[in-house]
Amino acid sequence: MDTPGFQIFFQIIDLYPDFKIPRTPHIACLDWERLRFPLSLRKWKPGDRFYPLGMQQAKKVSDFLIDLKIPRMLKENVYVLCCQEEIAWVVGYRPDDRYKITADTKKVYQIEVNHQEVFRSETDGL
């Protein structure tokens, strides 16, 4: 994926019994078979909605960031990884529940995004 100012790494991993999902804000692990390509990376926009991991209802990205008490300056630099029109990951904060790793997952799509302005310092909520 060609996005100026970012280093983005992708890896497809066969899910094995002891696989541990990394608990770091710049890495997301999604169910490979649920994704539809191409993926895209963009800044979030007002009205964007996603299903935060662990929730069965959609939530506005703006409300999600308010709930996390993300300062306005940081909010302006939050990116989303999109799977066609759906948000698959609010980068640095939370993947979408629809793309989570489940007992049926066979392959994991691990995405690592490096861009210092995108990430907060703590790893809560991953």
Protein backbone atom coordinates (compact mmCIF):
# COMPACT_ATOMS: atom_id res chain seq x y z
CA MET A 1 0.00 0.00 0.00
CA ASP A 2 1.51 3.34 -1.05
CA THR A 3 0.75 5.98 1.57
CA PRO A 4 3.23 8.87 1.99
CA GLY A 5 4.68 9.16 5.49
CA PHE A 6 3.77 5.62 6.51
CA GLN A 7 5.55 2.32 6.62
CA ILE A 8 2.99 -0.45 6.28
CA PHE A 9 3.84 -4.13 6.58
CA PHE A 10 1.49 -7.01 5.86
CA GLN A 11 1.89 -10.64 6.77
CA ILE A 12 -0.38 -13.64 6.28
CA ILE A 13 0.00 -16.11 9.12
CA ASP A 14 -1.49 -19.60 9.36
CA LEU A 15 -3.29 -19.62 12.69
CA TYR A 16 -1.66 -22.06 15.07
CA PRO A 17 -2.84 -23.09 18.57
CA ASP A 18 -0.44 -20.88 20.55
CA PHE A 19 -0.81 -17.78 18.34
CA LYS A 20 -0.85 -14.61 20.45
CA ILE A 21 -2.37 -11.42 19.08
CA PRO A 22 0.19 -8.65 19.64
CA ARG A 23 -1.03 -6.07 22.16
CA THR A 24 0.56 -3.05 20.60
CA PRO A 25 -1.32 -0.13 19.04
CA HIS A 26 0.47 -0.22 15.70
CA ILE A 27 -0.36 -3.86 14.88
CA ALA A 28 -3.75 -5.34 14.03
CA CYS A 29 -4.59 -8.98 13.37
CA LEU A 30 -7.66 -9.55 11.24
CA ASP A 31 -9.39 -12.62 9.80
CA TRP A 32 -7.89 -13.02 6.32
CA GLU A 33 -11.00 -14.71 4.87
CA ARG A 34 -13.34 -11.89 5.92
CA LEU A 35 -11.30 -9.17 4.20
CA ARG A 36 -12.06 -7.94 0.69
CA PHE A 37 -9.30 -6.29 -1.27
CA PRO A 38 -7.98 -3.79 -2.04
CA LEU A 39 -7.62 -2.23 1.39
CA SER A 40 -7.13 1.51 1.76
CA LEU A 41 -5.77 3.81 4.44
CA ARG A 42 -7.23 7.27 5.03
CA LYS A 43 -7.98 9.79 7.77
CA TRP A 44 -11.30 9.22 9.49
CA LYS A 45 -14.18 11.51 8.50
CA PRO A 46 -17.25 12.75 10.35
CA GLY A 47 -20.00 10.17 10.00
CA ASP A 48 -17.60 7.19 9.78
CA ARG A 49 -18.96 4.20 11.69
CA PHE A 50 -17.48 0.88 12.73
CA TYR A 51 -18.14 -1.99 15.14
CA PRO A 52 -15.47 -1.66 17.86
CA LEU A 53 -14.00 -5.02 18.87
CA GLY A 54 -16.29 -6.58 21.46
CA MET A 55 -19.37 -4.58 20.43
CA GLN A 56 -22.31 -5.82 18.38
CA GLN A 57 -23.50 -2.33 17.45
CA ALA A 58 -21.98 0.27 15.19
CA LYS A 59 -20.47 3.36 16.74
CA LYS A 60 -19.37 6.61 15.17
CA VAL A 61 -15.59 6.92 15.10
CA SER A 62 -15.97 10.45 16.51
CA ASP A 63 -17.92 9.10 19.53
CA PHE A 64 -15.42 6.27 19.98
CA LEU A 65 -12.53 8.76 20.12
CA ILE A 66 -14.45 11.01 22.53
CA ASP A 67 -15.11 8.01 24.81
CA LEU A 68 -11.36 7.33 24.84
CA LYS A 69 -10.76 11.00 25.70
CA ILE A 70 -8.44 11.46 22.74
CA PRO A 71 -7.34 15.12 22.52
CA ARG A 72 -8.51 17.07 19.47
CA MET A 73 -4.97 17.44 18.10
CA LEU A 74 -4.51 13.65 18.09
CA LYS A 75 -8.00 13.05 16.65
CA GLU A 76 -7.06 15.01 13.55
CA ASN A 77 -4.34 12.45 12.80
CA VAL A 78 -6.32 9.24 13.34
CA TYR A 79 -6.39 6.96 10.31
CA VAL A 80 -8.68 4.09 9.39
CA LEU A 81 -7.87 1.00 7.39
CA CYS A 82 -10.81 0.32 5.09
CA CYS A 83 -11.99 -2.90 3.55
CA GLN A 84 -13.89 -1.50 0.58
CA GLU A 85 -16.39 0.86 2.25
CA GLU A 86 -16.15 -0.66 5.76
CA ILE A 87 -13.65 0.31 8.43
CA ALA A 88 -11.62 -2.73 9.45
CA TRP A 89 -9.33 -0.96 11.93
CA VAL A 90 -9.17 2.43 13.60
CA VAL A 91 -5.40 2.48 13.36
CA GLY A 92 -3.72 2.59 16.74
CA TYR A 93 -6.95 2.08 18.68
CA ARG A 94 -9.31 -0.77 17.84
CA PRO A 95 -10.10 -3.27 15.08
CA ASP A 96 -13.65 -3.76 13.85
CA ASP A 97 -15.46 -6.70 15.45
CA ARG A 98 -16.55 -8.01 12.03
CA TYR A 99 -12.91 -8.81 11.16
CA LYS A 100 -11.80 -10.28 14.49
CA ILE A 101 -9.96 -13.55 14.93
CA THR A 102 -12.42 -16.32 15.87
CA ALA A 103 -12.33 -20.07 16.47
CA ASP A 104 -13.10 -20.47 12.74
CA THR A 105 -10.17 -18.30 11.61
CA LYS A 106 -7.59 -20.20 9.58
CA LYS A 107 -5.36 -17.37 8.38
CA VAL A 108 -4.48 -14.11 10.12
CA TYR A 109 -3.76 -10.93 8.20
CA GLN A 110 -1.33 -9.02 10.39
CA ILE A 111 -0.93 -5.34 9.56
CA GLU A 112 1.74 -3.14 11.08
CA VAL A 113 1.59 0.61 10.51
CA ASN A 114 4.45 2.87 11.53
CA HIS A 115 3.76 6.59 11.61
CA GLN A 116 4.51 8.40 14.86
CA GLU A 117 1.70 10.97 14.60
CA VAL A 118 -0.96 8.26 14.46
CA PHE A 119 -0.39 6.48 17.75
CA ARG A 120 -1.14 7.31 21.33
CA SER A 121 1.30 6.33 24.05
CA GLU A 122 -0.78 3.76 25.92
CA THR A 123 -2.15 0.49 24.53
CA ASP A 124 -5.56 0.40 26.25
CA GLY A 125 -8.45 -0.96 24.27
CA LEU A 126 -6.65 -3.25 21.89
